[in-house]
Amino acid sequence: MVKKRAIGFVVALFATGLIGCASNSETGTMENAGATAGRVVDDSVITAKVKSALIADSTTKAYQINVETFEGTVQLSGFVDDAEARRRATQVAKNVEGVRDVDNKLELRDQG
């Protein structure tokens, strides 16, 4: 009887150890969630800075340029009147701190 209790105790202790290890992986998941939330905040800040920079620039300020950011890559979309405004939008975005890359999907308006 005592031997069965001792074995049961050891099994319970072992199971508790396994659960403890499992909770460490949960902590890792929580840390990843925190890192993801931090990235989203960083991307939002970059988006706001790029929008402000585009508005402040004399070549791009008159255009409705959509800006989205994911993991430091800025995507520009919308329409501009000429190739110079398209090129300048890329340049302005690349000069913003935190921008890793710019994906310029701006299209030229049909002038016809």
PDB file of N, CA and C in Angstrom:
ATOM      1  N   MET A   1       0.820  -1.193   0.000  1.00  0.00           N
ATOM      2  CA  MET A   1       0.000   0.000   0.000  1.00  0.00           C
ATOM      3  C   MET A   1       0.864   1.257   0.000  1.00  0.00           C
ATOM      4  N   VAL A   2       1.899   1.260   0.830  1.00  0.00           N
ATOM      5  CA  VAL A   2       2.796   2.407   0.888  1.00  0.00           C
ATOM      6  C   VAL A   2       3.535   2.557  -0.434  1.00  0.00           C
ATOM      7  N   LYS A   3       3.903   1.429  -1.023  1.00  0.00           N
ATOM      8  CA  LYS A   3       4.615   1.448  -2.294  1.00  0.00           C
ATOM      9  C   LYS A   3       3.729   2.040  -3.394  1.00  0.00           C
ATOM     10  N   LYS A   4       2.445   1.723  -3.413  1.00  0.00           N
ATOM     11  CA  LYS A   4       1.529   2.262  -4.409  1.00  0.00           C
ATOM     12  C   LYS A   4       1.386   3.773  -4.248  1.00  0.00           C
ATOM     13  N   ARG A   5       1.325   4.240  -3.007  1.00  0.00           N
ATOM     14  CA  ARG A   5       1.231   5.678  -2.750  1.00  0.00           C
ATOM     15  C   ARG A   5       2.492   6.389  -3.216  1.00  0.00           C
ATOM     16  N   ALA A   6       3.638   5.755  -2.952  1.00  0.00           N
ATOM     17  CA  ALA A   6       4.904   6.353  -3.370  1.00  0.00           C
ATOM     18  C   ALA A   6       4.960   6.442  -4.893  1.00  0.00           C
ATOM     19  N   ILE A   7       4.538   5.389  -5.572  1.00  0.00           N
ATOM     20  CA  ILE A   7       4.531   5.391  -7.035  1.00  0.00           C
ATOM     21  C   ILE A   7       3.550   6.451  -7.540  1.00  0.00           C
ATOM     22  N   GLY A   8       2.392   6.517  -6.918  1.00  0.00           N
ATOM     23  CA  GLY A   8       1.400   7.530  -7.284  1.00  0.00           C
ATOM     24  C   GLY A   8       1.943   8.935  -7.088  1.00  0.00           C
ATOM     25  N   PHE A   9       2.657   9.150  -5.999  1.00  0.00           N
ATOM     26  CA  PHE A   9       3.266  10.447  -5.717  1.00  0.00           C
ATOM     27  C   PHE A   9       4.293  10.801  -6.794  1.00  0.00           C
ATOM     28  N   VAL A  10       5.131   9.836  -7.166  1.00  0.00           N
ATOM     29  CA  VAL A  10       6.154  10.072  -8.189  1.00  0.00           C
ATOM     30  C   VAL A  10       5.491  10.381  -9.531  1.00  0.00           C
ATOM     31  N   VAL A  11       4.443   9.647  -9.876  1.00  0.00           N
ATOM     32  CA  VAL A  11       3.724   9.895 -11.127  1.00  0.00           C
ATOM     33  C   VAL A  11       3.110  11.293 -11.099  1.00  0.00           C
ATOM     34  N   ALA A  12       2.485  11.670  -9.994  1.00  0.00           N
ATOM     35  CA  ALA A  12       1.887  13.003  -9.873  1.00  0.00           C
ATOM     36  C   ALA A  12       2.956  14.087  -9.994  1.00  0.00           C
ATOM     37  N   LEU A  13       4.093  13.865  -9.360  1.00  0.00           N
ATOM     38  CA  LEU A  13       5.196  14.827  -9.426  1.00  0.00           C
ATOM     39  C   LEU A  13       5.697  14.952 -10.859  1.00  0.00           C
ATOM     40  N   PHE A  14       5.845  13.833 -11.550  1.00  0.00           N
ATOM     41  CA  PHE A  14       6.285  13.826 -12.931  1.00  0.00           C
ATOM     42  C   PHE A  14       5.286  14.575 -13.822  1.00  0.00           C
ATOM     43  N   ALA A  15       3.996  14.318 -13.611  1.00  0.00           N
ATOM     44  CA  ALA A  15       2.954  14.983 -14.399  1.00  0.00           C
ATOM     45  C   ALA A  15       2.977  16.490 -14.150  1.00  0.00           C
ATOM     46  N   THR A  16       3.197  16.880 -12.909  1.00  0.00           N
ATOM     47  CA  THR A  16       3.281  18.300 -12.580  1.00  0.00           C
ATOM     48  C   THR A  16       4.465  18.936 -13.305  1.00  0.00           C
ATOM     49  N   GLY A  17       5.573  18.213 -13.367  1.00  0.00           N
ATOM     50  CA  GLY A  17       6.740  18.716 -14.093  1.00  0.00           C
ATOM     51  C   GLY A  17       6.444  18.910 -15.564  1.00  0.00           C
ATOM     52  N   LEU A  18       5.700  17.976 -16.151  1.00  0.00           N
ATOM     53  CA  LEU A  18       5.334  18.116 -17.561  1.00  0.00           C
ATOM     54  C   LEU A  18       4.417  19.311 -17.777  1.00  0.00           C
ATOM     55  N   ILE A  19       3.488  19.513 -16.874  1.00  0.00           N
ATOM     56  CA  ILE A  19       2.583  20.658 -16.984  1.00  0.00           C
ATOM     57  C   ILE A  19       3.381  21.954 -16.869  1.00  0.00           C
ATOM     58  N   GLY A  20       4.358  21.957 -15.978  1.00  0.00           N
ATOM     59  CA  GLY A  20       5.215  23.133 -15.839  1.00  0.00           C
ATOM     60  C   GLY A  20       5.945  23.451 -17.125  1.00  0.00           C
ATOM     61  N   CYS A  21       6.423  22.412 -17.805  1.00  0.00           N
ATOM     62  CA  CYS A  21       7.092  22.620 -19.089  1.00  0.00           C
ATOM     63  C   CYS A  21       6.114  23.160 -20.120  1.00  0.00           C
ATOM     64  N   ALA A  22       4.909  22.656 -20.090  1.00  0.00           N
ATOM     65  CA  ALA A  22       3.905  23.127 -21.040  1.00  0.00           C
ATOM     66  C   ALA A  22       3.602  24.601 -20.801  1.00  0.00           C
ATOM     67  N   SER A  23       3.604  25.014 -19.552  1.00  0.00           N
ATOM     68  CA  SER A  23       3.305  26.414 -19.283  1.00  0.00           C
ATOM     69  C   SER A  23       4.424  27.313 -19.776  1.00  0.00           C
ATOM     70  N   ASN A  24       5.647  26.808 -19.867  1.00  0.00           N
ATOM     71  CA  ASN A  24       6.726  27.602 -20.433  1.00  0.00           C
ATOM     72  C   ASN A  24       6.473  27.894 -21.901  1.00  0.00           C
ATOM     73  N   SER A  25       5.917  26.923 -22.621  1.00  0.00           N
ATOM     74  CA  SER A  25       5.608  27.184 -24.024  1.00  0.00           C
ATOM     75  C   SER A  25       4.480  28.198 -24.138  1.00  0.00           C
ATOM     76  N   GLU A  26       3.563  28.199 -23.169  1.00  0.00           N
ATOM     77  CA  GLU A  26       2.510  29.214 -23.163  1.00  0.00           C
ATOM     78  C   GLU A  26       3.109  30.596 -22.961  1.00  0.00           C
ATOM     79  N   THR A  27       4.108  30.684 -22.081  1.00  0.00           N
ATOM     80  CA  THR A  27       4.772  31.960 -21.867  1.00  0.00           C
ATOM     81  C   THR A  27       5.396  32.429 -23.169  1.00  0.00           C
ATOM     82  N   GLY A  28       6.017  31.494 -23.901  1.00  0.00           N
ATOM     83  CA  GLY A  28       6.578  31.839 -25.197  1.00  0.00           C
ATOM     84  C   GLY A  28       5.522  32.384 -26.129  1.00  0.00           C
ATOM     85  N   THR A  29       4.348  31.790 -26.103  1.00  0.00           N
ATOM     86  CA  THR A  29       3.247  32.260 -26.931  1.00  0.00           C
ATOM     87  C   THR A  29       2.843  33.670 -26.521  1.00  0.00           C
ATOM     88  N   MET A  30       2.792  33.911 -25.222  1.00  0.00           N
ATOM     89  CA  MET A  30       2.439  35.245 -24.741  1.00  0.00           C
ATOM     90  C   MET A  30       3.503  36.260 -25.148  1.00  0.00           C
ATOM     91  N   GLU A  31       4.763  35.861 -25.070  1.00  0.00           N
ATOM     92  CA  GLU A  31       5.827  36.767 -25.497  1.00  0.00           C
ATOM     93  C   GLU A  31       5.693  37.063 -26.982  1.00  0.00           C
ATOM     94  N   ASN A  32       5.356  36.034 -27.777  1.00  0.00           N
ATOM     95  CA  ASN A  32       5.147  36.251 -29.205  1.00  0.00           C
ATOM     96  C   ASN A  32       3.974  37.186 -29.447  1.00  0.00           C
ATOM     97  N   ALA A  33       2.914  37.029 -28.663  1.00  0.00           N
ATOM     98  CA  ALA A  33       1.758  37.911 -28.802  1.00  0.00           C
ATOM     99  C   ALA A  33       2.157  39.343 -28.486  1.00  0.00           C
ATOM    100  N   GLY A  34       2.982  39.516 -27.460  1.00  0.00           N
ATOM    101  CA  GLY A  34       3.471  40.854 -27.121  1.00  0.00           C
ATOM    102  C   GLY A  34       4.322  41.429 -28.230  1.00  0.00           C
ATOM    103  N   ALA A  35       5.167  40.588 -28.820  1.00  0.00           N
ATOM    104  CA  ALA A  35       6.011  41.041 -29.922  1.00  0.00           C
ATOM    105  C   ALA A  35       5.150  41.422 -31.118  1.00  0.00           C
ATOM    106  N   THR A  36       4.089  40.651 -31.370  1.00  0.00           N
ATOM    107  CA  THR A  36       3.191  40.958 -32.473  1.00  0.00           C
ATOM    108  C   THR A  36       2.472  42.278 -32.222  1.00  0.00           C
ATOM    109  N   ALA A  37       2.008  42.474 -31.010  1.00  0.00           N
ATOM    110  CA  ALA A  37       1.334  43.734 -30.673  1.00  0.00           C
ATOM    111  C   ALA A  37       2.297  44.904 -30.823  1.00  0.00           C
ATOM    112  N   GLY A  38       3.536  44.711 -30.408  1.00  0.00           N
ATOM    113  CA  GLY A  38       4.545  45.763 -30.552  1.00  0.00           C
ATOM    114  C   GLY A  38       4.798  46.084 -32.010  1.00  0.00           C
ATOM    115  N   ARG A  39       4.835  45.059 -32.859  1.00  0.00           N
ATOM    116  CA  ARG A  39       5.052  45.272 -34.286  1.00  0.00           C
ATOM    117  C   ARG A  39       3.901  46.046 -34.896  1.00  0.00           C
ATOM    118  N   VAL A  40       2.671  45.716 -34.471  1.00  0.00           N
ATOM    119  CA  VAL A  40       1.501  46.415 -34.994  1.00  0.00           C
ATOM    120  C   VAL A  40       1.557  47.886 -34.623  1.00  0.00           C
ATOM    121  N   VAL A  41       1.947  48.176 -33.382  1.00  0.00           N
ATOM    122  CA  VAL A  41       2.078  49.570 -32.955  1.00  0.00           C
ATOM    123  C   VAL A  41       3.161  50.251 -33.767  1.00  0.00           C
ATOM    124  N   ASP A  42       4.307  49.592 -33.940  1.00  0.00           N
ATOM    125  CA  ASP A  42       5.389  50.168 -34.734  1.00  0.00           C
ATOM    126  C   ASP A  42       4.933  50.438 -36.162  1.00  0.00           C
ATOM    127  N   ASP A  43       4.226  49.488 -36.766  1.00  0.00           N
ATOM    128  CA  ASP A  43       3.729  49.667 -38.123  1.00  0.00           C
ATOM    129  C   ASP A  43       2.756  50.839 -38.198  1.00  0.00           C
ATOM    130  N   SER A  44       1.930  50.992 -37.181  1.00  0.00           N
ATOM    131  CA  SER A  44       0.979  52.110 -37.157  1.00  0.00           C
ATOM    132  C   SER A  44       1.707  53.443 -37.080  1.00  0.00           C
ATOM    133  N   VAL A  45       2.758  53.493 -36.296  1.00  0.00           N
ATOM    134  CA  VAL A  45       3.552  54.721 -36.175  1.00  0.00           C
ATOM    135  C   VAL A  45       4.218  55.037 -37.502  1.00  0.00           C
ATOM    136  N   ILE A  46       4.776  54.032 -38.147  1.00  0.00           N
ATOM    137  CA  ILE A  46       5.410  54.232 -39.453  1.00  0.00           C
ATOM    138  C   ILE A  46       4.390  54.742 -40.460  1.00  0.00           C
ATOM    139  N   THR A  47       3.205  54.135 -40.479  1.00  0.00           N
ATOM    140  CA  THR A  47       2.150  54.572 -41.400  1.00  0.00           C
ATOM    141  C   THR A  47       1.823  56.045 -41.186  1.00  0.00           C
ATOM    142  N   ALA A  48       1.667  56.444 -39.936  1.00  0.00           N
ATOM    143  CA  ALA A  48       1.346  57.843 -39.627  1.00  0.00           C
ATOM    144  C   ALA A  48       2.470  58.780 -40.062  1.00  0.00           C
ATOM    145  N   LYS A  49       3.702  58.379 -39.833  1.00  0.00           N
ATOM    146  CA  LYS A  49       4.838  59.222 -40.224  1.00  0.00           C
ATOM    147  C   LYS A  49       4.934  59.362 -41.736  1.00  0.00           C
ATOM    148  N   VAL A  50       4.700  58.262 -42.453  1.00  0.00           N
ATOM    149  CA  VAL A  50       4.749  58.325 -43.921  1.00  0.00           C
ATOM    150  C   VAL A  50       3.630  59.223 -44.448  1.00  0.00           C
ATOM    151  N   LYS A  51       2.421  59.089 -43.908  1.00  0.00           N
ATOM    152  CA  LYS A  51       1.308  59.931 -44.346  1.00  0.00           C
ATOM    153  C   LYS A  51       1.638  61.409 -44.117  1.00  0.00           C
ATOM    154  N   SER A  52       2.190  61.708 -42.947  1.00  0.00           N
ATOM    155  CA  SER A  52       2.558  63.095 -42.630  1.00  0.00           C
ATOM    156  C   SER A  52       3.623  63.612 -43.582  1.00  0.00           C
ATOM    157  N   ALA A  53       4.609  62.779 -43.859  1.00  0.00           N
ATOM    158  CA  ALA A  53       5.695  63.184 -44.764  1.00  0.00           C
ATOM    159  C   ALA A  53       5.168  63.423 -46.176  1.00  0.00           C
ATOM    160  N   LEU A  54       4.236  62.592 -46.631  1.00  0.00           N
ATOM    161  CA  LEU A  54       3.667  62.775 -47.964  1.00  0.00           C
ATOM    162  C   LEU A  54       2.854  64.064 -48.040  1.00  0.00           C
ATOM    163  N   ILE A  55       2.125  64.378 -46.979  1.00  0.00           N
ATOM    164  CA  ILE A  55       1.333  65.618 -46.948  1.00  0.00           C
ATOM    165  C   ILE A  55       2.255  66.836 -46.914  1.00  0.00           C
ATOM    166  N   ALA A  56       3.361  66.741 -46.198  1.00  0.00           N
ATOM    167  CA  ALA A  56       4.300  67.858 -46.069  1.00  0.00           C
ATOM    168  C   ALA A  56       5.101  68.100 -47.346  1.00  0.00           C
ATOM    169  N   ASP A  57       5.232  67.091 -48.193  1.00  0.00           N
ATOM    170  CA  ASP A  57       6.027  67.228 -49.408  1.00  0.00           C
ATOM    171  C   ASP A  57       5.218  67.949 -50.488  1.00  0.00           C
ATOM    172  N   SER A  58       5.823  68.948 -51.115  1.00  0.00           N
ATOM    173  CA  SER A  58       5.099  69.765 -52.105  1.00  0.00           C
ATOM    174  C   SER A  58       4.677  68.977 -53.343  1.00  0.00           C
ATOM    175  N   THR A  59       5.394  67.925 -53.684  1.00  0.00           N
ATOM    176  CA  THR A  59       5.057  67.145 -54.874  1.00  0.00           C
ATOM    177  C   THR A  59       3.912  66.170 -54.616  1.00  0.00           C
ATOM    178  N   THR A  60       3.818  65.638 -53.416  1.00  0.00           N
ATOM    179  CA  THR A  60       2.826  64.589 -53.134  1.00  0.00           C
ATOM    180  C   THR A  60       1.644  65.053 -52.286  1.00  0.00           C
ATOM    181  N   LYS A  61       1.680  66.269 -51.766  1.00  0.00           N
ATOM    182  CA  LYS A  61       0.652  66.695 -50.807  1.00  0.00           C
ATOM    183  C   LYS A  61      -0.755  66.784 -51.379  1.00  0.00           C
ATOM    184  N   ALA A  62      -0.889  67.008 -52.658  1.00  0.00           N
ATOM    185  CA  ALA A  62      -2.208  67.195 -53.246  1.00  0.00           C
ATOM    186  C   ALA A  62      -2.905  65.874 -53.588  1.00  0.00           C
ATOM    187  N   TYR A  63      -2.229  64.758 -53.387  1.00  0.00           N
ATOM    188  CA  TYR A  63      -2.777  63.474 -53.794  1.00  0.00           C
ATOM    189  C   TYR A  63      -3.313  62.686 -52.612  1.00  0.00           C
ATOM    190  N   GLN A  64      -4.350  61.896 -52.909  1.00  0.00           N
ATOM    191  CA  GLN A  64      -4.909  60.975 -51.927  1.00  0.00           C
ATOM    192  C   GLN A  64      -4.140  59.665 -52.065  1.00  0.00           C
ATOM    193  N   ILE A  65      -3.093  59.504 -51.243  1.00  0.00           N
ATOM    194  CA  ILE A  65      -2.256  58.308 -51.301  1.00  0.00           C
ATOM    195  C   ILE A  65      -2.551  57.467 -50.071  1.00  0.00           C
ATOM    196  N   ASN A  66      -2.935  56.221 -50.310  1.00  0.00           N
ATOM    197  CA  ASN A  66      -3.193  55.297 -49.209  1.00  0.00           C
ATOM    198  C   ASN A  66      -1.882  54.667 -48.775  1.00  0.00           C
ATOM    199  N   VAL A  67      -1.699  54.551 -47.461  1.00  0.00           N
ATOM    200  CA  VAL A  67      -0.469  54.005 -46.899  1.00  0.00           C
ATOM    201  C   VAL A  67      -0.817  52.877 -45.944  1.00  0.00           C
ATOM    202  N   GLU A  68      -0.200  51.740 -46.152  1.00  0.00           N
ATOM    203  CA  GLU A  68      -0.326  50.607 -45.232  1.00  0.00           C
ATOM    204  C   GLU A  68       1.074  50.097 -44.940  1.00  0.00           C
ATOM    205  N   THR A  69       1.287  49.612 -43.722  1.00  0.00           N
ATOM    206  CA  THR A  69       2.603  49.113 -43.335  1.00  0.00           C
ATOM    207  C   THR A  69       2.464  47.751 -42.686  1.00  0.00           C
ATOM    208  N   PHE A  70       3.350  46.832 -43.073  1.00  0.00           N
ATOM    209  CA  PHE A  70       3.415  45.513 -42.457  1.00  0.00           C
ATOM    210  C   PHE A  70       4.874  45.135 -42.293  1.00  0.00           C
ATOM    211  N   GLU A  71       5.276  44.930 -41.053  1.00  0.00           N
ATOM    212  CA  GLU A  71       6.647  44.563 -40.703  1.00  0.00           C
ATOM    213  C   GLU A  71       7.668  45.511 -41.328  1.00  0.00           C
ATOM    214  N   GLY A  72       7.350  46.797 -41.329  1.00  0.00           N
ATOM    215  CA  GLY A  72       8.279  47.807 -41.820  1.00  0.00           C
ATOM    216  C   GLY A  72       8.235  48.041 -43.318  1.00  0.00           C
ATOM    217  N   THR A  73       7.467  47.238 -44.038  1.00  0.00           N
ATOM    218  CA  THR A  73       7.319  47.450 -45.474  1.00  0.00           C
ATOM    219  C   THR A  73       6.078  48.302 -45.716  1.00  0.00           C
ATOM    220  N   VAL A  74       6.276  49.430 -46.372  1.00  0.00           N
ATOM    221  CA  VAL A  74       5.199  50.377 -46.640  1.00  0.00           C
ATOM    222  C   VAL A  74       4.648  50.119 -48.036  1.00  0.00           C
ATOM    223  N   GLN A  75       3.318  50.033 -48.121  1.00  0.00           N
ATOM    224  CA  GLN A  75       2.671  49.886 -49.416  1.00  0.00           C
ATOM    225  C   GLN A  75       1.908  51.171 -49.705  1.00  0.00           C
ATOM    226  N   LEU A  76       2.209  51.749 -50.846  1.00  0.00           N
ATOM    227  CA  LEU A  76       1.528  52.962 -51.300  1.00  0.00           C
ATOM    228  C   LEU A  76       0.547  52.564 -52.398  1.00  0.00           C
ATOM    229  N   SER A  77      -0.679  53.080 -52.312  1.00  0.00           N
ATOM    230  CA  SER A  77      -1.669  52.801 -53.353  1.00  0.00           C
ATOM    231  C   SER A  77      -2.521  54.036 -53.577  1.00  0.00           C
ATOM    232  N   GLY A  78      -3.199  54.049 -54.703  1.00  0.00           N
ATOM    233  CA  GLY A  78      -4.024  55.189 -55.074  1.00  0.00           C
ATOM    234  C   GLY A  78      -3.627  55.672 -56.457  1.00  0.00           C
ATOM    235  N   PHE A  79      -3.980  56.924 -56.750  1.00  0.00           N
ATOM    236  CA  PHE A  79      -3.715  57.483 -58.074  1.00  0.00           C
ATOM    237  C   PHE A  79      -2.984  58.810 -57.955  1.00  0.00           C
ATOM    238  N   VAL A  80      -2.049  59.030 -58.872  1.00  0.00           N
ATOM    239  CA  VAL A  80      -1.349  60.308 -58.984  1.00  0.00           C
ATOM    240  C   VAL A  80      -1.396  60.722 -60.451  1.00  0.00           C
ATOM    241  N   ASP A  81      -1.103  62.006 -60.710  1.00  0.00           N
ATOM    242  CA  ASP A  81      -1.213  62.519 -62.074  1.00  0.00           C
ATOM    243  C   ASP A  81      -0.019  62.213 -62.960  1.00  0.00           C
ATOM    244  N   ASP A  82       1.185  62.072 -62.357  1.00  0.00           N
ATOM    245  CA  ASP A  82       2.361  61.880 -63.202  1.00  0.00           C
ATOM    246  C   ASP A  82       3.412  60.988 -62.535  1.00  0.00           C
ATOM    247  N   ALA A  83       4.366  60.578 -63.354  1.00  0.00           N
ATOM    248  CA  ALA A  83       5.415  59.677 -62.897  1.00  0.00           C
ATOM    249  C   ALA A  83       6.289  60.326 -61.825  1.00  0.00           C
ATOM    250  N   GLU A  84       6.460  61.646 -61.884  1.00  0.00           N
ATOM    251  CA  GLU A  84       7.277  62.344 -60.883  1.00  0.00           C
ATOM    252  C   GLU A  84       6.647  62.225 -59.494  1.00  0.00           C
ATOM    253  N   ALA A  85       5.339  62.373 -59.393  1.00  0.00           N
ATOM    254  CA  ALA A  85       4.655  62.245 -58.100  1.00  0.00           C
ATOM    255  C   ALA A  85       4.770  60.810 -57.587  1.00  0.00           C
ATOM    256  N   ARG A  86       4.697  59.842 -58.474  1.00  0.00           N
ATOM    257  CA  ARG A  86       4.843  58.432 -58.095  1.00  0.00           C
ATOM    258  C   ARG A  86       6.249  58.170 -57.564  1.00  0.00           C
ATOM    259  N   ARG A  87       7.257  58.650 -58.288  1.00  0.00           N
ATOM    260  CA  ARG A  87       8.654  58.468 -57.872  1.00  0.00           C
ATOM    261  C   ARG A  87       8.932  59.178 -56.549  1.00  0.00           C
ATOM    262  N   ARG A  88       8.417  60.396 -56.428  1.00  0.00           N
ATOM    263  CA  ARG A  88       8.657  61.188 -55.216  1.00  0.00           C
ATOM    264  C   ARG A  88       8.006  60.540 -53.997  1.00  0.00           C
ATOM    265  N   ALA A  89       6.844  59.931 -54.158  1.00  0.00           N
ATOM    266  CA  ALA A  89       6.170  59.260 -53.041  1.00  0.00           C
ATOM    267  C   ALA A  89       7.036  58.128 -52.496  1.00  0.00           C
ATOM    268  N   THR A  90       7.662  57.368 -53.386  1.00  0.00           N
ATOM    269  CA  THR A  90       8.570  56.297 -52.955  1.00  0.00           C
ATOM    270  C   THR A  90       9.737  56.878 -52.177  1.00  0.00           C
ATOM    271  N   GLN A  91      10.327  57.927 -52.710  1.00  0.00           N
ATOM    272  CA  GLN A  91      11.484  58.553 -52.074  1.00  0.00           C
ATOM    273  C   GLN A  91      11.125  59.093 -50.686  1.00  0.00           C
ATOM    274  N   VAL A  92       9.996  59.771 -50.584  1.00  0.00           N
ATOM    275  CA  VAL A  92       9.559  60.329 -49.294  1.00  0.00           C
ATOM    276  C   VAL A  92       9.356  59.209 -48.278  1.00  0.00           C
ATOM    277  N   ALA A  93       8.676  58.138 -48.693  1.00  0.00           N
ATOM    278  CA  ALA A  93       8.412  57.027 -47.775  1.00  0.00           C
ATOM    279  C   ALA A  93       9.711  56.364 -47.312  1.00  0.00           C
ATOM    280  N   LYS A  94      10.661  56.159 -48.227  1.00  0.00           N
ATOM    281  CA  LYS A  94      11.926  55.514 -47.876  1.00  0.00           C
ATOM    282  C   LYS A  94      12.727  56.329 -46.871  1.00  0.00           C
ATOM    283  N   ASN A  95      12.519  57.630 -46.840  1.00  0.00           N
ATOM    284  CA  ASN A  95      13.260  58.501 -45.927  1.00  0.00           C
ATOM    285  C   ASN A  95      12.686  58.530 -44.511  1.00  0.00           C
ATOM    286  N   VAL A  96      11.569  57.868 -44.290  1.00  0.00           N
ATOM    287  CA  VAL A  96      10.949  57.841 -42.961  1.00  0.00           C
ATOM    288  C   VAL A  96      11.644  56.772 -42.110  1.00  0.00           C
ATOM    289  N   GLU A  97      11.973  57.145 -40.885  1.00  0.00           N
ATOM    290  CA  GLU A  97      12.638  56.222 -39.963  1.00  0.00           C
ATOM    291  C   GLU A  97      11.766  54.992 -39.715  1.00  0.00           C
ATOM    292  N   GLY A  98      12.382  53.822 -39.793  1.00  0.00           N
ATOM    293  CA  GLY A  98      11.684  52.569 -39.536  1.00  0.00           C
ATOM    294  C   GLY A  98      11.210  51.860 -40.792  1.00  0.00           C
ATOM    295  N   VAL A  99      11.213  52.563 -41.924  1.00  0.00           N
ATOM    296  CA  VAL A  99      10.763  51.952 -43.179  1.00  0.00           C
ATOM    297  C   VAL A  99      11.874  51.061 -43.710  1.00  0.00           C
ATOM    298  N   ARG A 100      11.545  49.799 -43.904  1.00  0.00           N
ATOM    299  CA  ARG A 100      12.520  48.832 -44.440  1.00  0.00           C
ATOM    300  C   ARG A 100      12.466  48.762 -45.953  1.00  0.00           C
ATOM    301  N   ASP A 101      11.246  48.886 -46.504  1.00  0.00           N
ATOM    302  CA  ASP A 101      11.071  48.774 -47.952  1.00  0.00           C
ATOM    303  C   ASP A 101       9.785  49.489 -48.328  1.00  0.00           C
ATOM    304  N   VAL A 102       9.669  49.858 -49.601  1.00  0.00           N
ATOM    305  CA  VAL A 102       8.464  50.511 -50.100  1.00  0.00           C
ATOM    306  C   VAL A 102       7.963  49.747 -51.321  1.00  0.00           C
ATOM    307  N   ASP A 103       6.693  49.373 -51.270  1.00  0.00           N
ATOM    308  CA  ASP A 103       6.020  48.710 -52.384  1.00  0.00           C
ATOM    309  C   ASP A 103       5.066  49.741 -52.986  1.00  0.00           C
ATOM    310  N   ASN A 104       5.495  50.355 -54.083  1.00  0.00           N
ATOM    311  CA  ASN A 104       4.721  51.436 -54.683  1.00  0.00           C
ATOM    312  C   ASN A 104       3.739  50.874 -55.702  1.00  0.00           C
ATOM    313  N   LYS A 105       2.476  50.884 -55.340  1.00  0.00           N
ATOM    314  CA  LYS A 105       1.410  50.419 -56.232  1.00  0.00           C
ATOM    315  C   LYS A 105       0.570  51.604 -56.731  1.00  0.00           C
ATOM    316  N   LEU A 106       1.151  52.813 -56.658  1.00  0.00           N
ATOM    317  CA  LEU A 106       0.449  53.988 -57.154  1.00  0.00           C
ATOM    318  C   LEU A 106       0.271  53.874 -58.653  1.00  0.00           C
ATOM    319  N   GLU A 107      -0.905  54.277 -59.124  1.00  0.00           N
ATOM    320  CA  GLU A 107      -1.202  54.227 -60.541  1.00  0.00           C
ATOM    321  C   GLU A 107      -1.359  55.649 -61.078  1.00  0.00           C
ATOM    322  N   LEU A 108      -1.024  55.818 -62.351  1.00  0.00           N
ATOM    323  CA  LEU A 108      -1.175  57.108 -62.985  1.00  0.00           C
ATOM    324  C   LEU A 108      -2.615  57.269 -63.453  1.00  0.00           C
ATOM    325  N   ARG A 109      -3.170  58.457 -63.192  1.00  0.00           N
ATOM    326  CA  ARG A 109      -4.525  58.753 -63.648  1.00  0.00           C
ATOM    327  C   ARG A 109      -4.523  58.848 -65.165  1.00  0.00           C
ATOM    328  N   ASP A 110      -5.603  58.386 -65.730  1.00  0.00           N
ATOM    329  CA  ASP A 110      -5.756  58.509 -67.191  1.00  0.00           C
ATOM    330  C   ASP A 110      -6.012  59.978 -67.503  1.00  0.00           C
ATOM    331  N   GLN A 111      -5.141  60.577 -68.227  1.00  0.00           N
ATOM    332  CA  GLN A 111      -5.238  62.015 -68.538  1.00  0.00           C
ATOM    333  C   GLN A 111      -6.171  62.307 -69.715  1.00  0.00           C
ATOM    334  N   GLY A 112      -6.726  61.253 -70.294  1.00  0.00           N
ATOM    335  CA  GLY A 112      -7.546  61.431 -71.500  1.00  0.00           C
ATOM    336  C   GLY A 112      -8.937  61.713 -71.264  1.00  0.00           C
TER     337      GLY A 112
END
